[in-house]
Amino acid sequence: MKYIEVKDLTFYYDEEPVLQDINFHIDSGEFVILTGENGAAKSTLIRNVLGLLHPAKGTAEISKINLEDKKLRVGYIPQEISSFNAGFPSTVYELVASGRYQQNRWLRRLNKKDHDHIKKALETVNMWSFRNHKIGELSGGQKQRVCLARIFAADPDLFILDEPTTGMDEKSRHDFYELLQHEAHTHHKGILMITHDHEDVSEYIDRHIKLVRKEDSQWRCFSMDSCNEL
């Protein structure tokens, strides 16, 4: 089932095209990475997919339903999300727990299943031992991990992640990639991740979408199995 489908997308900043004739899809049950050189408009493409920006031509759509014919849930981590200052009042546990309230539970207390999800999410990013720390006291890399844990606690159908491994060491990155692969292949999640470390993650992914620039043209999407061949 297609969770993301982009067709013939062209996007302009002012009157300058920065993306041209982009075509790709992300299915449930697959882990796909998006790469490109610095300035390749990767984040701009993601924002078009999410509806935060609007293409000049073509379409970028996210499915309204998941495999169970229920409303599809999206978990999005933008680049450098972890900009909490020292005065941020929440604890690590409280912030991650807030991800569970997205499941139509604002007026209900969290139950054992919710707390189990929260613990598992924090353990996944090696932050369980920091659960009672204030967010503002953490390092940048630790904050990034907590933000990831919050997304996992929310249990989305579709993950859209923009450079999520910033600040992680090599072991933590590989553990994270292995987890994403498990989420895709075992729980049928759709995963689209922007990364520069395409060699680091290559053994875990299903497809690799790459933005490249042809001579005298704007950034285009190229992959033998997911984008229009140039």
Protein backbone atom coordinates (compact mmCIF):
# COMPACT_ATOMS: atom_id res chain seq x y z
CA MET A 1 0.00 0.00 0.00
CA LYS A 2 1.39 3.42 -0.97
CA TYR A 3 1.75 5.67 2.10
CA ILE A 4 3.49 8.44 0.10
CA GLU A 5 3.10 9.14 -3.61
CA VAL A 6 4.84 12.02 -5.40
CA LYS A 7 4.05 12.64 -9.06
CA ASP A 8 5.79 15.10 -11.42
CA LEU A 9 6.52 17.51 -8.56
CA THR A 10 8.16 20.84 -9.35
CA PHE A 11 8.75 23.43 -6.65
CA TYR A 12 9.88 27.07 -6.88
CA TYR A 13 11.32 29.51 -4.38
CA ASP A 14 10.14 32.85 -5.71
CA GLU A 15 10.53 32.26 -9.45
CA GLU A 16 13.51 29.90 -9.24
CA PRO A 17 12.82 26.14 -9.59
CA VAL A 18 14.66 24.08 -6.96
CA LEU A 19 12.97 20.73 -7.56
CA GLN A 20 11.90 19.50 -10.97
CA ASP A 21 9.84 16.52 -12.16
CA ILE A 22 10.15 14.47 -8.97
CA ASN A 23 8.49 11.05 -8.90
CA PHE A 24 8.68 8.46 -6.13
CA HIS A 25 6.57 6.48 -3.67
CA ILE A 26 6.95 4.96 -0.21
CA ASP A 27 5.04 1.77 0.57
CA SER A 28 4.00 0.36 3.91
CA GLY A 29 6.54 -2.18 5.09
CA GLU A 30 9.63 -0.56 3.58
CA PHE A 31 12.54 1.52 4.84
CA VAL A 32 13.67 4.09 2.27
CA ILE A 33 16.38 6.73 2.52
CA LEU A 34 16.59 10.04 0.67
CA THR A 35 20.07 11.45 0.00
CA GLY A 36 21.70 14.26 -1.96
CA GLU A 37 24.48 16.79 -1.69
CA ASN A 38 24.22 19.78 0.60
CA GLY A 39 21.73 22.19 -0.91
CA ALA A 40 19.88 19.45 -2.77
CA ALA A 41 16.49 20.57 -1.36
CA LYS A 42 15.90 17.31 0.51
CA SER A 43 14.13 19.00 3.42
CA THR A 44 12.17 21.14 0.95
CA LEU A 45 10.93 17.97 -0.73
CA ILE A 46 9.87 16.51 2.62
CA ARG A 47 7.96 19.69 3.49
CA ASN A 48 6.08 19.39 0.21
CA VAL A 49 5.15 15.81 1.10
CA LEU A 50 3.87 16.94 4.50
CA GLY A 51 1.85 19.80 3.01
CA LEU A 52 3.95 22.46 4.73
CA LEU A 53 4.92 23.72 1.28
CA HIS A 54 2.97 23.43 -1.96
CA PRO A 55 4.37 22.38 -5.35
CA ALA A 56 4.07 24.63 -8.37
CA LYS A 57 3.31 21.57 -10.47
CA GLY A 58 2.49 17.96 -9.74
CA THR A 59 1.31 16.38 -6.50
CA ALA A 60 2.68 15.06 -3.21
CA GLU A 61 0.19 12.99 -1.25
CA ILE A 62 0.14 11.00 1.97
CA SER A 63 -2.45 8.24 2.28
CA LYS A 64 -5.40 9.07 4.51
CA ILE A 65 -5.70 5.48 5.78
CA ASN A 66 -3.39 2.72 6.97
CA LEU A 67 -3.40 -1.01 6.27
CA GLU A 68 -6.23 -1.50 8.77
CA ASP A 69 -8.39 1.08 7.00
CA LYS A 70 -8.00 3.46 9.94
CA LYS A 71 -6.73 7.04 9.87
CA LEU A 72 -3.03 6.98 9.04
CA ARG A 73 -0.76 8.39 11.76
CA VAL A 74 2.40 10.26 10.76
CA GLY A 75 5.48 10.74 12.94
CA TYR A 76 7.70 13.59 11.73
CA ILE A 77 11.12 14.57 13.06
CA PRO A 78 12.43 17.77 11.41
CA GLN A 79 16.13 18.55 11.24
CA GLU A 80 17.63 19.77 14.53
CA ILE A 81 14.35 19.54 16.41
CA SER A 82 16.05 19.32 19.80
CA SER A 83 16.40 23.05 20.51
CA PHE A 84 15.12 23.01 24.11
CA ASN A 85 16.78 25.56 26.39
CA ALA A 86 17.90 25.00 29.96
CA GLY A 87 14.63 26.33 31.33
CA PHE A 88 12.42 23.78 29.55
CA PRO A 89 10.27 22.44 32.43
CA SER A 90 9.42 18.90 31.26
CA THR A 91 11.24 15.74 32.26
CA VAL A 92 12.36 13.23 29.66
CA TYR A 93 9.59 10.84 30.69
CA GLU A 94 6.89 13.52 30.54
CA LEU A 95 7.88 14.64 27.05
CA VAL A 96 7.93 11.11 25.65
CA ALA A 97 4.63 10.34 27.41
CA SER A 98 3.03 13.27 25.58
CA GLY A 99 3.41 11.23 22.39
CA ARG A 100 0.81 8.80 23.70
CA TYR A 101 -1.77 11.56 24.09
CA GLN A 102 -1.92 11.80 20.31
CA GLN A 103 -3.87 8.55 20.32
CA ASN A 104 -7.16 10.34 21.15
CA ARG A 105 -6.42 10.05 24.85
CA TRP A 106 -6.35 13.68 26.00
CA LEU A 107 -9.12 13.15 28.54
CA ARG A 108 -7.95 9.74 29.78
CA ARG A 109 -5.14 8.69 32.07
CA LEU A 110 -2.30 6.69 30.60
CA ASN A 111 -2.61 2.97 31.26
CA LYS A 112 -0.06 0.17 31.61
CA LYS A 113 0.15 -0.31 27.83
CA ASP A 114 0.97 3.37 27.41
CA HIS A 115 3.68 3.27 30.07
CA ASP A 116 5.12 0.10 28.52
CA HIS A 117 5.32 1.91 25.15
CA ILE A 118 7.07 4.86 26.80
CA LYS A 119 9.62 2.66 28.55
CA LYS A 120 10.33 0.66 25.40
CA ALA A 121 10.73 3.86 23.36
CA LEU A 122 13.24 5.30 25.84
CA GLU A 123 15.15 2.03 26.07
CA THR A 124 15.30 1.92 22.28
CA VAL A 125 17.30 5.16 22.18
CA ASN A 126 19.29 4.34 25.36
CA MET A 127 17.65 7.11 27.38
CA TRP A 128 15.67 5.18 30.00
CA SER A 129 18.22 5.98 32.71
CA PHE A 130 17.64 9.70 31.99
CA ARG A 131 13.85 9.50 32.35
CA ASN A 132 13.71 11.81 35.39
CA HIS A 133 16.14 14.41 34.03
CA LYS A 134 14.91 17.78 32.79
CA ILE A 135 15.01 18.10 29.00
CA GLY A 136 16.92 21.38 29.15
CA GLU A 137 19.76 19.70 31.07
CA LEU A 138 20.58 17.24 28.29
CA SER A 139 23.16 17.48 25.52
CA GLY A 140 22.05 18.11 21.95
CA GLY A 141 22.45 14.46 21.00
CA GLN A 142 20.49 13.31 24.04
CA LYS A 143 17.66 15.73 23.23
CA GLN A 144 17.55 14.33 19.70
CA ARG A 145 17.19 10.81 21.09
CA VAL A 146 14.35 11.88 23.37
CA CYS A 147 12.51 13.42 20.42
CA LEU A 148 12.91 10.13 18.57
CA ALA A 149 11.59 8.25 21.59
CA ARG A 150 8.50 10.47 21.61
CA ILE A 151 7.80 9.53 17.98
CA PHE A 152 8.19 5.81 18.75
CA ALA A 153 5.90 6.14 21.76
CA ALA A 154 3.22 7.61 19.48
CA ASP A 155 3.45 4.45 17.31
CA PRO A 156 2.84 6.09 13.89
CA ASP A 157 2.15 4.21 10.66
CA LEU A 158 4.50 6.44 8.67
CA PHE A 159 7.84 7.81 9.88
CA ILE A 160 9.31 10.85 8.12
CA LEU A 161 12.73 11.58 9.59
CA ASP A 162 15.10 14.40 8.62
CA GLU A 163 18.69 13.59 9.70
CA PRO A 164 17.51 11.82 12.88
CA THR A 165 20.88 10.37 13.92
CA THR A 166 22.59 13.71 14.54
CA GLY A 167 24.69 13.39 17.69
CA MET A 168 24.58 9.57 17.83
CA ASP A 169 27.70 7.42 18.01
CA GLU A 170 28.24 4.55 15.56
CA LYS A 171 26.70 1.83 17.75
CA SER A 172 23.63 3.95 18.52
CA ARG A 173 23.14 4.66 14.81
CA HIS A 174 23.25 0.99 13.87
CA ASP A 175 20.89 0.08 16.70
CA PHE A 176 18.53 2.78 15.46
CA TYR A 177 18.68 1.60 11.85
CA GLU A 178 18.04 -1.96 12.97
CA LEU A 179 14.99 -0.76 14.88
CA LEU A 180 13.63 1.09 11.83
CA GLN A 181 14.14 -2.00 9.70
CA HIS A 182 12.22 -4.03 12.30
CA GLU A 183 9.39 -1.47 12.37
CA ALA A 184 9.10 -1.63 8.59
CA HIS A 185 9.42 -5.36 8.02
CA THR A 186 7.66 -6.69 11.12
CA HIS A 187 5.06 -4.00 11.85
CA HIS A 188 4.55 -2.81 8.25
CA LYS A 189 5.47 0.82 8.94
CA GLY A 190 6.45 3.11 6.09
CA ILE A 191 9.76 4.91 6.69
CA LEU A 192 11.33 7.78 4.74
CA MET A 193 14.60 9.05 6.21
CA ILE A 194 16.88 11.85 5.00
CA THR A 195 20.50 11.00 5.71
CA HIS A 196 24.06 11.70 4.60
CA ASP A 197 25.28 8.31 5.88
CA HIS A 198 24.01 6.18 3.00
CA GLU A 199 26.89 3.71 3.30
CA ASP A 200 26.37 3.42 7.06
CA VAL A 201 22.70 2.46 6.65
CA SER A 202 22.86 0.53 3.35
CA GLU A 203 22.52 -2.94 4.88
CA TYR A 204 19.23 -2.05 6.57
CA ILE A 205 17.26 -0.26 3.84
CA ASP A 206 14.98 -1.43 1.05
CA ARG A 207 15.50 1.46 -1.39
CA HIS A 208 17.67 4.51 -1.87
CA ILE A 209 16.26 7.67 -3.47
CA LYS A 210 18.86 10.21 -4.51
CA LEU A 211 18.45 13.83 -5.55
CA VAL A 212 20.96 14.76 -8.24
CA ARG A 213 21.43 17.73 -10.56
CA LYS A 214 21.89 17.30 -14.28
CA GLU A 215 23.94 19.89 -16.08
CA ASP A 216 22.00 23.15 -16.53
CA SER A 217 18.98 21.83 -14.59
CA GLN A 218 17.53 21.83 -11.09
CA TRP A 219 17.58 19.01 -8.55
CA ARG A 220 15.87 15.89 -9.81
CA CYS A 221 15.09 12.57 -8.24
CA PHE A 222 17.03 9.56 -9.43
CA SER A 223 16.96 5.92 -8.43
CA MET A 224 16.73 2.90 -10.68
CA ASP A 225 13.85 1.43 -8.69
CA SER A 226 11.92 4.40 -7.33
CA CYS A 227 12.26 7.56 -9.44
CA ASN A 228 12.07 8.55 -13.06
CA GLU A 229 15.31 7.57 -14.75
CA LEU A 230 17.16 10.63 -16.03
